[in-house]
Amino acid sequence: MSDRFPQRFPTRYVPTDPELAERQWAEWRVTRRRLFQLGAVGGAGLALAGLGGRSPLAASLAAAQAEQPKSGGTITMSLADQDVTSFDPPMPPDNMSIWTMLLFYDQLIRPAPDGKSLEPGLAESWDVSPDGKTYTFHLRDAKFHDGSPVTAEDVAFCLKRASTIQGAPWQFMYTAIDTTEAPDPKTAVVKLKSVWAPFEADVAMFAASIFPKKAFEAQGDKFFQKPIGSGPFMFDSREPDVQVVLKKNPNYWEAGKPYLDGATFKVLTDANARMLQFQGGELDIVTLVPYNQLNPMKANPDVVLLEDAVARIDIISIQVTRKPFDDKTLRQAMNYAVNKDAIIQNVLFGAGKLATTFLPLMPGHDPNSPGYPYNLDKAKQLVAQSSGKDGFKGELIYTAGDTTQAQICQLIAADLAQIGGQITVTAVDGNTLLQKLFTTFDFGLCKAYYTTDIVDPDELASFAALGSGGAKAMGSNYSNPEVDKLIVQAQSETDKAKRQDLYNQIQKLHLDDAPFIFLFYPGGNTATQKYVKDFHVLPTGNYRLWETWRTDV
């Protein structure tokens, strides 16, 4: 254990990034001291442990009285991966930016509460031409946070920008857009170059968020430092590496919502600091709960564990242009050598399933794909036929402060050692990891994960498998012309059965090429305090926070 934390972290866990943990601990300690002075903390720690709080009768009465949502109060929630990187809709690759800005920007269409279908957003309705290439959106009455009306001109501008902005990792999803028009203030028309099967799902994505054209043109990129949308919450402030603060939009187009007065998202990448704040009552919602704490959470009557998972896959991205990982046979051997079931049982405490394709458990996933089950004999046979037959070396990077990732990477390194791999495991901060993964490609192996943002498989096929995609196949630089051809074909195929067959072929080829070590599909690991109601994490990762409320206001 680090001698810097002999009392503050009285567990067997040693922070991967001590300086970050030290700073987050200090912030938590100061905040907690202030709350004690105000009498606001009281028995929060005891209540969380199930040793205090109200009597069962009082709790029952309170629950009976709280059947209808209440307005008021705020919530504080963790950003567990890293700080946000950008609020320019087509630009950020990270979920922390994405999931927060979805609360202050609107899109024409949005994911429905089930996270598997779509519902109207800024567009009350829309029509599609018989040839499938023209979409006409009819806008509702809505206002931006600066009081200006949302118009078709704003829609046409934002969608055109999303399809043409250079350097954006999500531009590839909007390349089918040919023209965007605003024949009148309430009608936006988008014409496509060709039929694009996932277009409605793409329009429901964060990258297609709508913001005021005039405000952006007046401010340029400075606009995104204090962005303006029309969503249920308004951007209030951001303190880098500390927090993002949102406040209620009193003029939101959905009458009576949001219920909350605001939300604060605290950057807490260190798992121990994150859980201490949740236990101390400073967090109302905690994300990425360590898996070894899931069962205690389930048993705690004062905590609600949300077991519904986002459509997510955890992988090791392999830089296929770097020796020795340019050898497909070696990559296959590495996949067979890693005991994913052992990781699921020992690190995730059973809260996960073996990943069998690059698609998470979502529409388009092939349930019959075999994946790479643990087979050490097979791994040894393959490595003997590869460029790694005399041993191979590499570095595996992961996000600092994430104890789960640290454990996973150490187990993987140990497994690869059994087939001659000498793998150095290195922790890097979240921003550095993203830069290495998506910009410089300066890595050999990288522990990563991704989730779907839409209810269609095209996004992740383009993101994780398409050689010409903006994400360079999840940073791996993988490219297979046959896979690329099938992905493009699926984008214009409107027959559901034929389209599924195309995705099955894509997954089979990608699996055989093994640009990833396919690890697992994790279960849900978000928790809320008991007084938080109607908070859900959709398969697409969205938080419909405008429907969330507190019983204690």
Protein backbone atom coordinates (compact mmCIF):
# COMPACT_ATOMS: atom_id res chain seq x y z
CA MET A 1 0.00 0.00 0.00
CA SER A 2 1.21 3.47 -0.79
CA ASP A 3 2.47 5.25 2.32
CA ARG A 4 0.61 8.37 1.19
CA PHE A 5 -2.72 6.75 2.04
CA PRO A 6 -2.24 4.88 5.34
CA GLN A 7 -5.53 6.13 6.85
CA ARG A 8 -7.49 7.72 4.05
CA PHE A 9 -7.82 4.52 2.05
CA PRO A 10 -7.96 1.78 4.72
CA THR A 11 -8.47 -1.02 2.20
CA ARG A 12 -6.32 -3.33 0.15
CA TYR A 13 -6.91 -1.04 -2.82
CA VAL A 14 -4.02 1.23 -3.76
CA PRO A 15 -4.98 4.12 -6.10
CA THR A 16 -3.45 3.73 -9.54
CA ASP A 17 -3.10 7.51 -9.85
CA PRO A 18 -2.24 8.65 -6.29
CA GLU A 19 -2.15 12.36 -7.10
CA LEU A 20 -5.60 12.26 -8.68
CA ALA A 21 -7.00 10.22 -5.81
CA GLU A 22 -5.39 12.58 -3.31
CA ARG A 23 -7.04 15.59 -4.95
CA GLN A 24 -10.46 13.94 -5.19
CA TRP A 25 -10.22 12.75 -1.59
CA ALA A 26 -9.34 16.26 -0.43
CA GLU A 27 -12.30 17.74 -2.30
CA TRP A 28 -14.60 15.12 -0.80
CA ARG A 29 -13.27 15.73 2.71
CA VAL A 30 -13.81 19.50 2.47
CA THR A 31 -17.32 19.08 1.09
CA ARG A 32 -18.21 16.55 3.76
CA ARG A 33 -16.89 18.82 6.51
CA ARG A 34 -19.10 21.63 5.24
CA LEU A 35 -22.12 19.35 5.19
CA PHE A 36 -21.43 18.25 8.75
CA GLN A 37 -21.25 21.89 9.79
CA LEU A 38 -24.63 22.46 8.17
CA GLY A 39 -26.06 19.32 9.74
CA ALA A 40 -26.78 17.92 6.30
CA VAL A 41 -24.89 14.64 6.49
CA GLY A 42 -26.10 13.23 9.77
CA GLY A 43 -26.37 9.47 9.61
CA ALA A 44 -25.84 9.10 5.87
CA GLY A 45 -23.06 6.58 6.32
CA LEU A 46 -25.11 4.50 8.74
CA ALA A 47 -28.17 4.66 6.56
CA LEU A 48 -26.20 3.38 3.58
CA ALA A 49 -24.97 0.46 5.61
CA GLY A 50 -28.55 -0.44 6.55
CA LEU A 51 -27.99 0.49 10.20
CA GLY A 52 -29.91 3.73 10.36
CA GLY A 53 -32.51 5.79 8.57
CA ARG A 54 -36.28 5.76 8.90
CA SER A 55 -38.33 2.93 10.29
CA PRO A 56 -39.97 0.49 7.86
CA LEU A 57 -43.38 2.02 8.64
CA ALA A 58 -42.16 5.54 7.97
CA ALA A 59 -40.50 4.40 4.77
CA SER A 60 -43.70 2.69 3.63
CA LEU A 61 -45.78 5.79 4.33
CA ALA A 62 -43.26 7.96 2.49
CA ALA A 63 -43.31 5.59 -0.48
CA ALA A 64 -47.10 5.68 -0.56
CA GLN A 65 -47.05 9.47 -0.59
CA ALA A 66 -44.42 9.60 -3.32
CA GLU A 67 -46.25 7.71 -6.04
CA GLN A 68 -46.53 10.88 -8.10
CA PRO A 69 -43.34 12.64 -9.21
CA LYS A 70 -42.31 15.68 -7.21
CA SER A 71 -40.64 18.76 -8.57
CA GLY A 72 -37.57 20.27 -6.99
CA GLY A 73 -34.15 19.36 -5.72
CA THR A 74 -31.00 18.52 -7.62
CA ILE A 75 -28.95 15.39 -8.08
CA THR A 76 -25.22 14.81 -8.13
CA MET A 77 -23.84 12.03 -10.30
CA SER A 78 -20.38 10.73 -11.09
CA LEU A 79 -18.47 10.90 -14.35
CA ALA A 80 -16.34 7.84 -13.83
CA ASP A 81 -14.22 7.49 -16.97
CA GLN A 82 -12.69 10.95 -17.27
CA ASP A 83 -13.55 14.61 -17.69
CA VAL A 84 -15.58 15.67 -20.71
CA THR A 85 -13.59 16.56 -23.81
CA SER A 86 -15.96 18.63 -25.96
CA PHE A 87 -19.55 19.87 -26.23
CA ASP A 88 -19.33 20.31 -30.00
CA PRO A 89 -21.88 17.60 -30.96
CA PRO A 90 -20.03 15.83 -33.81
CA MET A 91 -16.64 15.90 -32.10
CA PRO A 92 -16.32 13.98 -28.77
CA PRO A 93 -15.43 10.28 -28.81
CA ASP A 94 -16.03 9.84 -25.06
CA ASN A 95 -19.23 8.85 -23.28
CA MET A 96 -18.79 11.43 -20.54
CA SER A 97 -19.19 14.27 -23.04
CA ILE A 98 -21.93 12.45 -24.91
CA TRP A 99 -24.14 11.52 -21.98
CA THR A 100 -24.03 14.99 -20.43
CA MET A 101 -24.62 17.04 -23.57
CA LEU A 102 -27.63 14.88 -24.48
CA LEU A 103 -29.33 16.60 -21.55
CA PHE A 104 -28.96 20.17 -22.83
CA TYR A 105 -29.18 19.56 -26.58
CA ASP A 106 -32.22 18.16 -28.38
CA GLN A 107 -32.29 16.05 -31.51
CA LEU A 108 -35.06 15.72 -34.09
CA ILE A 109 -35.73 12.16 -32.95
CA ARG A 110 -34.67 10.48 -29.71
CA PRO A 111 -34.49 6.98 -28.22
CA ALA A 112 -37.73 5.87 -26.59
CA PRO A 113 -37.79 4.78 -22.92
CA ASP A 114 -37.01 1.17 -23.91
CA GLY A 115 -33.76 2.27 -25.58
CA LYS A 116 -34.56 0.00 -28.53
CA SER A 117 -36.98 2.16 -30.50
CA LEU A 118 -37.41 5.81 -31.44
CA GLU A 119 -39.84 8.58 -30.57
CA PRO A 120 -40.34 12.22 -31.65
CA GLY A 121 -37.95 14.84 -30.32
CA LEU A 122 -37.84 18.34 -31.79
CA ALA A 123 -39.69 16.87 -34.75
CA GLU A 124 -43.31 16.15 -33.87
CA SER A 125 -43.52 13.98 -36.98
CA TRP A 126 -41.69 13.24 -40.21
CA ASP A 127 -42.41 11.88 -43.67
CA VAL A 128 -40.28 9.76 -45.99
CA SER A 129 -40.54 9.94 -49.76
CA PRO A 130 -41.46 6.78 -51.71
CA ASP A 131 -37.87 6.42 -52.95
CA GLY A 132 -36.56 6.59 -49.36
CA LYS A 133 -34.21 9.48 -50.07
CA THR A 134 -36.10 12.55 -48.80
CA TYR A 135 -37.06 13.11 -45.15
CA THR A 136 -39.38 15.97 -44.20
CA PHE A 137 -39.38 16.89 -40.51
CA HIS A 138 -42.23 18.89 -38.96
CA LEU A 139 -40.93 20.83 -35.95
CA ARG A 140 -42.75 21.45 -32.69
CA ASP A 141 -42.79 24.81 -30.93
CA ALA A 142 -39.58 24.93 -28.92
CA LYS A 143 -37.14 27.55 -27.71
CA PHE A 144 -33.41 27.56 -27.23
CA HIS A 145 -32.05 28.42 -23.80
CA ASP A 146 -31.34 31.98 -24.94
CA GLY A 147 -35.04 32.46 -25.69
CA SER A 148 -34.79 32.29 -29.48
CA PRO A 149 -37.13 29.89 -31.32
CA VAL A 150 -35.88 26.61 -32.75
CA THR A 151 -36.28 26.88 -36.52
CA ALA A 152 -35.79 24.70 -39.55
CA GLU A 153 -32.84 26.90 -40.48
CA ASP A 154 -31.07 25.77 -37.29
CA VAL A 155 -31.84 22.14 -38.12
CA ALA A 156 -30.60 22.45 -41.71
CA PHE A 157 -27.40 24.13 -40.53
CA CYS A 158 -26.57 21.62 -37.78
CA LEU A 159 -27.23 18.52 -39.89
CA LYS A 160 -25.24 19.90 -42.80
CA ARG A 161 -22.39 20.74 -40.45
CA ALA A 162 -22.44 17.24 -38.96
CA SER A 163 -22.10 15.77 -42.44
CA THR A 164 -19.25 18.03 -43.58
CA ILE A 165 -17.16 19.02 -40.53
CA GLN A 166 -13.59 17.88 -41.03
CA GLY A 167 -11.83 15.78 -38.42
CA ALA A 168 -15.02 14.73 -36.66
CA PRO A 169 -15.03 11.06 -35.61
CA TRP A 170 -18.77 10.79 -36.34
CA GLN A 171 -18.89 12.48 -39.73
CA PHE A 172 -18.99 9.08 -41.43
CA MET A 173 -22.50 8.52 -40.08
CA TYR A 174 -23.87 11.47 -42.02
CA THR A 175 -22.08 11.16 -45.36
CA ALA A 176 -25.35 10.09 -47.00
CA ILE A 177 -26.74 13.61 -46.53
CA ASP A 178 -26.81 15.50 -49.80
CA THR A 179 -28.72 18.69 -49.00
CA THR A 180 -30.57 20.21 -46.06
CA GLU A 181 -33.28 22.77 -46.63
CA ALA A 182 -35.66 24.98 -44.63
CA PRO A 183 -38.66 25.80 -46.85
CA ASP A 184 -40.38 27.39 -43.85
CA PRO A 185 -39.52 27.91 -40.14
CA LYS A 186 -41.27 24.71 -39.07
CA THR A 187 -40.26 22.38 -41.89
CA ALA A 188 -36.81 20.89 -42.42
CA VAL A 189 -36.08 18.76 -45.47
CA VAL A 190 -33.08 16.43 -45.73
CA LYS A 191 -32.25 14.85 -49.06
CA LEU A 192 -29.96 11.84 -49.14
CA LYS A 193 -27.52 10.81 -51.84
CA SER A 194 -28.87 7.27 -51.65
CA VAL A 195 -31.12 5.16 -49.47
CA TRP A 196 -29.66 5.03 -45.96
CA ALA A 197 -31.34 2.40 -43.79
CA PRO A 198 -30.12 3.69 -40.38
CA PHE A 199 -30.86 7.38 -41.08
CA GLU A 200 -33.62 7.84 -38.47
CA ALA A 201 -31.45 6.19 -35.82
CA ASP A 202 -28.53 8.41 -36.85
CA VAL A 203 -30.63 11.56 -36.51
CA ALA A 204 -31.41 10.49 -32.93
CA MET A 205 -27.70 10.50 -32.09
CA PHE A 206 -25.89 13.21 -30.10
CA ALA A 207 -23.82 14.21 -33.13
CA ALA A 208 -27.03 15.44 -34.80
CA SER A 209 -27.90 17.75 -31.90
CA ILE A 210 -29.53 21.06 -32.78
CA PHE A 211 -28.18 24.40 -31.56
CA PRO A 212 -28.82 28.02 -32.65
CA LYS A 213 -27.08 28.85 -35.91
CA LYS A 214 -26.89 32.60 -35.22
CA ALA A 215 -25.29 32.18 -31.78
CA PHE A 216 -22.68 29.80 -33.17
CA GLU A 217 -21.86 32.05 -36.12
CA ALA A 218 -21.45 34.99 -33.74
CA GLN A 219 -19.14 33.14 -31.32
CA GLY A 220 -17.42 30.48 -33.36
CA ASP A 221 -15.92 27.61 -31.38
CA LYS A 222 -16.22 29.65 -28.17
CA PHE A 223 -19.93 28.81 -28.35
CA PHE A 224 -19.16 25.30 -27.08
CA GLN A 225 -17.54 26.62 -23.91
CA LYS A 226 -21.01 27.65 -22.77
CA PRO A 227 -23.29 25.84 -25.18
CA ILE A 228 -26.94 26.61 -25.84
CA GLY A 229 -29.48 23.97 -26.72
CA SER A 230 -33.20 23.41 -26.29
CA GLY A 231 -33.01 20.35 -24.05
CA PRO A 232 -34.56 19.79 -20.61
CA PHE A 233 -31.50 21.16 -18.82
CA MET A 234 -29.37 24.24 -19.47
CA PHE A 235 -25.59 24.32 -19.31
CA ASP A 236 -24.56 26.31 -16.24
CA SER A 237 -20.82 25.84 -15.70
CA ARG A 238 -17.87 23.55 -16.02
CA GLU A 239 -14.78 23.31 -13.85
CA PRO A 240 -12.23 21.16 -15.72
CA ASP A 241 -11.40 17.87 -13.98
CA VAL A 242 -13.91 18.70 -11.23
CA GLN A 243 -17.51 18.98 -12.43
CA VAL A 244 -20.15 19.98 -14.97
CA VAL A 245 -23.25 21.77 -13.64
CA LEU A 246 -26.63 21.88 -15.39
CA LYS A 247 -29.79 23.69 -14.34
CA LYS A 248 -33.47 23.23 -15.16
CA ASN A 249 -34.82 24.62 -18.42
CA PRO A 250 -38.03 26.35 -17.28
CA ASN A 251 -39.25 26.62 -20.88
CA TYR A 252 -38.76 23.02 -21.95
CA TRP A 253 -41.22 21.93 -24.61
CA GLU A 254 -42.30 18.83 -22.67
CA ALA A 255 -44.74 20.36 -20.18
CA GLY A 256 -44.01 19.81 -16.48
CA LYS A 257 -40.49 18.48 -17.05
CA PRO A 258 -37.80 18.24 -15.92
CA TYR A 259 -38.76 17.60 -12.30
CA LEU A 260 -35.28 18.32 -11.00
CA ASP A 261 -33.96 21.85 -10.56
CA GLY A 262 -30.53 20.81 -11.76
CA ALA A 263 -27.79 18.23 -11.93
CA THR A 264 -24.09 18.19 -11.13
CA PHE A 265 -21.76 15.69 -12.76
CA LYS A 266 -18.58 15.23 -10.73
CA VAL A 267 -15.41 13.95 -12.37
CA LEU A 268 -14.43 11.02 -10.16
CA THR A 269 -12.19 8.63 -12.04
CA ASP A 270 -10.80 7.01 -8.89
CA ALA A 271 -13.13 4.17 -7.89
CA ASN A 272 -12.39 4.42 -4.18
CA ALA A 273 -13.01 8.17 -4.03
CA ARG A 274 -16.19 7.66 -6.06
CA MET A 275 -17.60 5.07 -3.67
CA LEU A 276 -16.61 7.06 -0.59
CA GLN A 277 -18.60 10.01 -1.88
CA PHE A 278 -21.62 7.80 -2.58
CA GLN A 279 -21.40 6.30 0.90
CA GLY A 280 -21.06 9.76 2.41
CA GLY A 281 -24.14 11.04 0.61
CA GLU A 282 -22.36 13.49 -1.68
CA LEU A 283 -23.37 11.44 -4.75
CA ASP A 284 -27.00 10.62 -5.44
CA ILE A 285 -26.09 8.41 -8.39
CA VAL A 286 -22.82 6.52 -8.78
CA THR A 287 -21.63 4.94 -12.01
CA LEU A 288 -19.14 2.12 -12.56
CA VAL A 289 -19.61 0.61 -9.13
CA PRO A 290 -16.73 -1.82 -8.53
CA TYR A 291 -17.99 -5.30 -9.23
CA ASN A 292 -16.94 -6.60 -5.83
CA GLN A 293 -19.44 -4.18 -4.30
CA LEU A 294 -22.45 -5.17 -6.40
CA ASN A 295 -23.73 -7.89 -4.07
CA PRO A 296 -23.46 -5.66 -0.97
CA MET A 297 -25.35 -3.01 -2.92
CA LYS A 298 -28.13 -5.48 -3.72
CA ALA A 299 -28.47 -6.33 -0.05
CA ASN A 300 -28.64 -2.71 1.09
CA PRO A 301 -32.24 -1.48 1.51
CA ASP A 302 -31.17 2.17 1.20
CA VAL A 303 -29.59 1.73 -2.22
CA VAL A 304 -31.05 0.82 -5.61
CA LEU A 305 -28.75 -1.14 -7.91
CA LEU A 306 -29.63 -0.73 -11.57
CA GLU A 307 -28.81 -4.04 -13.18
CA ASP A 308 -30.04 -3.15 -16.65
CA ALA A 309 -26.93 -2.73 -18.73
CA VAL A 310 -26.04 -0.46 -21.59
CA ALA A 311 -25.31 -2.23 -24.87
CA ARG A 312 -21.57 -2.38 -24.23
CA ILE A 313 -18.59 -4.56 -25.06
CA ASP A 314 -15.21 -4.56 -23.30
CA ILE A 315 -12.25 -5.40 -25.50
CA ILE A 316 -8.53 -5.16 -25.94
CA SER A 317 -7.99 -3.16 -29.11
CA ILE A 318 -4.97 -4.52 -30.97
CA GLN A 319 -2.90 -2.19 -33.14
CA VAL A 320 -2.83 -4.43 -36.21
CA THR A 321 -0.30 -2.28 -38.07
CA ARG A 322 2.33 -2.75 -35.35
CA LYS A 323 4.55 -5.84 -35.20
CA PRO A 324 4.08 -8.49 -34.00
CA PHE A 325 0.34 -7.80 -33.85
CA ASP A 326 0.07 -7.51 -37.64
CA ASP A 327 -0.08 -11.31 -37.66
CA LYS A 328 -3.68 -12.57 -37.64
CA THR A 329 -2.69 -16.02 -36.42
CA LEU A 330 -0.99 -14.49 -33.38
CA ARG A 331 -4.09 -12.39 -32.66
CA GLN A 332 -6.25 -15.49 -32.82
CA ALA A 333 -3.89 -17.29 -30.45
CA MET A 334 -4.11 -14.39 -28.00
CA ASN A 335 -7.90 -14.59 -28.07
CA TYR A 336 -7.92 -18.30 -27.24
CA ALA A 337 -5.29 -17.80 -24.53
CA VAL A 338 -7.30 -15.28 -22.50
CA ASN A 339 -9.65 -16.92 -20.03
CA LYS A 340 -12.63 -14.57 -20.26
CA ASP A 341 -14.81 -16.73 -18.02
CA ALA A 342 -12.25 -16.41 -15.25
CA ILE A 343 -12.30 -12.63 -15.65
CA ILE A 344 -16.11 -12.56 -15.53
CA GLN A 345 -16.25 -14.70 -12.39
CA ASN A 346 -13.25 -13.30 -10.50
CA VAL A 347 -13.31 -9.63 -11.46
CA LEU A 348 -16.94 -9.01 -12.48
CA PHE A 349 -18.29 -11.40 -9.83
CA GLY A 350 -20.42 -13.04 -12.51
CA ALA A 351 -21.94 -9.78 -13.80
CA GLY A 352 -21.15 -10.28 -17.47
CA LYS A 353 -21.30 -12.57 -20.49
CA LEU A 354 -18.62 -13.80 -22.87
CA ALA A 355 -18.28 -11.45 -25.84
CA THR A 356 -18.66 -13.36 -29.09
CA THR A 357 -18.67 -10.57 -31.70
CA PHE A 358 -17.83 -6.87 -31.91
CA LEU A 359 -21.54 -6.06 -31.54
CA PRO A 360 -22.91 -5.89 -27.99
CA LEU A 361 -26.22 -7.54 -27.11
CA MET A 362 -28.34 -5.30 -29.32
CA PRO A 363 -30.21 -5.36 -32.65
CA GLY A 364 -27.99 -6.93 -35.29
CA HIS A 365 -25.98 -9.10 -32.88
CA ASP A 366 -25.46 -12.67 -34.10
CA PRO A 367 -26.49 -14.95 -31.23
CA ASN A 368 -24.92 -17.98 -32.92
CA SER A 369 -21.40 -16.58 -33.13
CA PRO A 370 -18.98 -18.84 -31.19
CA GLY A 371 -16.51 -16.13 -30.18
CA TYR A 372 -13.18 -17.33 -28.79
CA PRO A 373 -13.78 -19.63 -25.82
CA TYR A 374 -10.78 -20.29 -23.62
CA ASN A 375 -8.64 -23.01 -25.21
CA LEU A 376 -5.00 -22.92 -24.16
CA ASP A 377 -4.04 -25.91 -26.29
CA LYS A 378 -5.51 -24.24 -29.37
CA ALA A 379 -3.73 -21.01 -28.47
CA LYS A 380 -0.38 -22.79 -28.21
CA GLN A 381 -0.91 -24.51 -31.57
CA LEU A 382 -1.69 -21.19 -33.25
CA VAL A 383 1.13 -19.24 -31.66
CA ALA A 384 3.56 -21.91 -32.85
CA GLN A 385 2.43 -21.11 -36.42
CA SER A 386 2.76 -17.36 -35.95
CA SER A 387 5.43 -14.68 -35.80
CA GLY A 388 5.25 -15.02 -32.03
CA LYS A 389 6.50 -18.59 -31.96
CA ASP A 390 9.73 -17.51 -30.27
CA GLY A 391 7.96 -15.18 -27.88
CA PHE A 392 6.48 -11.72 -28.33
CA LYS A 393 6.41 -8.44 -26.44
CA GLY A 394 3.94 -5.62 -26.10
CA GLU A 395 2.50 -2.93 -23.87
CA LEU A 396 -1.09 -2.98 -22.65
CA ILE A 397 -2.45 0.42 -21.60
CA TYR A 398 -5.55 1.13 -19.54
CA THR A 399 -7.25 4.07 -17.82
CA ALA A 400 -5.55 5.11 -14.58
CA GLY A 401 -7.67 4.93 -11.47
CA ASP A 402 -9.88 2.09 -12.70
CA THR A 403 -9.19 -0.85 -10.43
CA THR A 404 -11.38 -3.19 -12.47
CA GLN A 405 -9.40 -2.46 -15.62
CA ALA A 406 -6.16 -2.89 -13.71
CA GLN A 407 -7.20 -6.36 -12.52
CA ILE A 408 -8.40 -7.37 -15.98
CA CYS A 409 -5.18 -6.27 -17.63
CA GLN A 410 -3.01 -8.11 -15.12
CA LEU A 411 -4.97 -11.32 -15.71
CA ILE A 412 -4.67 -10.90 -19.47
CA ALA A 413 -0.93 -10.35 -19.21
CA ALA A 414 -0.63 -13.50 -17.12
CA ASP A 415 -2.69 -15.50 -19.62
CA LEU A 416 -0.62 -14.28 -22.57
CA ALA A 417 2.55 -15.21 -20.70
CA GLN A 418 1.45 -18.83 -21.06
CA ILE A 419 1.92 -18.57 -24.83
CA GLY A 420 5.17 -16.62 -24.71
CA GLY A 421 3.85 -13.08 -24.34
CA GLN A 422 5.81 -10.55 -22.31
CA ILE A 423 3.19 -7.88 -21.74
CA THR A 424 3.89 -4.69 -19.80
CA VAL A 425 0.76 -3.22 -18.20
CA THR A 426 0.73 0.60 -18.03
CA ALA A 427 -1.83 3.02 -16.58
CA VAL A 428 -2.41 6.30 -18.44
CA ASP A 429 -4.88 9.10 -17.79
CA GLY A 430 -8.15 9.03 -19.70
CA ASN A 431 -7.39 11.86 -22.12
CA THR A 432 -4.02 10.37 -23.00
CA LEU A 433 -5.60 6.99 -23.62
CA LEU A 434 -8.18 8.51 -25.98
CA GLN A 435 -5.47 10.37 -27.85
CA LYS A 436 -3.39 7.22 -28.26
CA LEU A 437 -6.42 5.16 -29.25
CA PHE A 438 -8.06 7.50 -31.76
CA THR A 439 -5.48 10.09 -32.84
CA THR A 440 -1.86 8.93 -32.71
CA PHE A 441 -2.52 5.15 -32.62
CA ASP A 442 0.54 5.00 -30.40
CA PHE A 443 -0.17 1.74 -28.61
CA GLY A 444 0.18 -2.00 -29.04
CA LEU A 445 -2.72 -3.20 -26.87
CA CYS A 446 -5.36 -0.99 -25.27
CA LYS A 447 -8.08 -1.91 -22.78
CA ALA A 448 -11.18 -0.15 -24.02
CA TYR A 449 -14.91 -0.42 -24.29
CA TYR A 450 -17.61 1.08 -26.42
CA THR A 451 -21.38 1.36 -26.32
CA THR A 452 -23.98 1.96 -28.97
CA ASP A 453 -25.51 5.41 -29.25
CA ILE A 454 -28.28 4.38 -31.62
CA VAL A 455 -30.80 1.56 -31.98
CA ASP A 456 -29.18 0.29 -35.17
CA PRO A 457 -26.00 -1.83 -35.71
CA ASP A 458 -24.59 0.46 -38.40
CA GLU A 459 -22.89 2.84 -35.97
CA LEU A 460 -20.79 0.16 -34.31
CA ALA A 461 -20.12 -1.66 -37.56
CA SER A 462 -18.70 1.59 -38.92
CA PHE A 463 -17.01 2.46 -35.64
CA ALA A 464 -15.40 -0.89 -34.85
CA ALA A 465 -15.04 -2.71 -38.17
CA LEU A 466 -15.04 -0.30 -41.11
CA GLY A 467 -11.52 0.42 -42.30
CA SER A 468 -12.42 3.86 -43.61
CA GLY A 469 -14.54 4.76 -40.57
CA GLY A 470 -13.66 7.81 -38.53
CA ALA A 471 -12.63 5.72 -35.53
CA LYS A 472 -10.23 3.55 -37.58
CA ALA A 473 -11.93 0.36 -36.34
CA MET A 474 -11.74 1.32 -32.67
CA GLY A 475 -8.19 2.55 -33.10
CA SER A 476 -6.92 -0.81 -34.31
CA ASN A 477 -6.36 0.38 -37.90
CA TYR A 478 -8.03 -2.86 -39.00
CA SER A 479 -9.19 -2.91 -42.61
CA ASN A 480 -10.73 -5.72 -44.62
CA PRO A 481 -12.14 -4.75 -48.06
CA GLU A 482 -14.74 -7.53 -47.91
CA VAL A 483 -15.98 -6.35 -44.51
CA ASP A 484 -16.08 -2.76 -45.77
CA LYS A 485 -18.14 -3.82 -48.78
CA LEU A 486 -20.67 -5.67 -46.63
CA ILE A 487 -21.03 -2.75 -44.22
CA VAL A 488 -21.75 -0.38 -47.09
CA GLN A 489 -24.22 -2.85 -48.55
CA ALA A 490 -26.07 -3.13 -45.21
CA GLN A 491 -26.42 0.63 -45.03
CA SER A 492 -28.78 0.63 -48.00
CA GLU A 493 -30.53 -2.70 -47.41
CA THR A 494 -34.08 -2.14 -46.14
CA ASP A 495 -35.17 -5.79 -45.93
CA LYS A 496 -34.70 -6.76 -42.27
CA ALA A 497 -33.86 -10.41 -42.86
CA LYS A 498 -31.36 -9.67 -45.62
CA ARG A 499 -29.81 -6.93 -43.53
CA GLN A 500 -29.37 -9.27 -40.57
CA ASP A 501 -27.67 -11.81 -42.82
CA LEU A 502 -25.22 -9.13 -43.93
CA TYR A 503 -24.37 -8.27 -40.33
CA ASN A 504 -23.89 -11.95 -39.53
CA GLN A 505 -21.34 -12.17 -42.35
CA ILE A 506 -19.60 -9.01 -41.12
CA GLN A 507 -19.32 -10.36 -37.58
CA LYS A 508 -17.95 -13.70 -38.79
CA LEU A 509 -15.20 -12.11 -40.88
CA HIS A 510 -14.27 -9.58 -38.20
CA LEU A 511 -14.11 -12.29 -35.56
CA ASP A 512 -11.78 -14.38 -37.73
CA ASP A 513 -9.49 -11.39 -38.34
CA ALA A 514 -9.34 -10.80 -34.57
CA PRO A 515 -8.39 -7.10 -34.37
CA PHE A 516 -9.61 -7.23 -30.77
CA ILE A 517 -9.37 -9.57 -27.85
CA PHE A 518 -13.12 -10.00 -27.36
CA LEU A 519 -13.66 -9.95 -23.59
CA PHE A 520 -17.19 -9.58 -22.24
CA TYR A 521 -20.54 -7.85 -22.27
CA PRO A 522 -20.81 -6.41 -18.75
CA GLY A 523 -23.94 -6.23 -16.64
CA GLY A 524 -25.24 -3.03 -15.12
CA ASN A 525 -23.24 -1.37 -12.34
CA THR A 526 -24.92 1.94 -11.58
CA ALA A 527 -26.49 2.62 -8.16
CA THR A 528 -28.72 5.35 -6.76
CA GLN A 529 -29.73 6.43 -3.32
CA LYS A 530 -33.20 5.14 -2.46
CA TYR A 531 -34.83 8.56 -2.69
CA VAL A 532 -33.92 8.86 -6.39
CA LYS A 533 -36.82 7.72 -8.56
CA ASP A 534 -37.29 6.95 -12.23
CA PHE A 535 -33.62 7.04 -13.12
CA HIS A 536 -32.74 4.56 -15.83
CA VAL A 537 -29.75 3.84 -18.02
CA LEU A 538 -30.95 2.97 -21.52
CA PRO A 539 -29.18 0.37 -23.70
CA THR A 540 -28.02 3.36 -25.75
CA GLY A 541 -26.44 4.87 -22.61
CA ASN A 542 -28.82 7.84 -22.50
CA TYR A 543 -30.13 9.17 -19.20
CA ARG A 544 -33.70 10.46 -19.42
CA LEU A 545 -32.90 12.67 -16.47
CA TRP A 546 -35.85 14.93 -17.16
CA GLU A 547 -38.05 12.10 -15.85
CA THR A 548 -36.02 11.59 -12.66
CA TRP A 549 -37.21 12.99 -9.33
CA ARG A 550 -36.55 12.83 -5.60
CA THR A 551 -38.96 11.69 -2.90
CA ASP A 552 -37.36 13.88 -0.23
CA VAL A 553 -38.12 17.34 -1.62
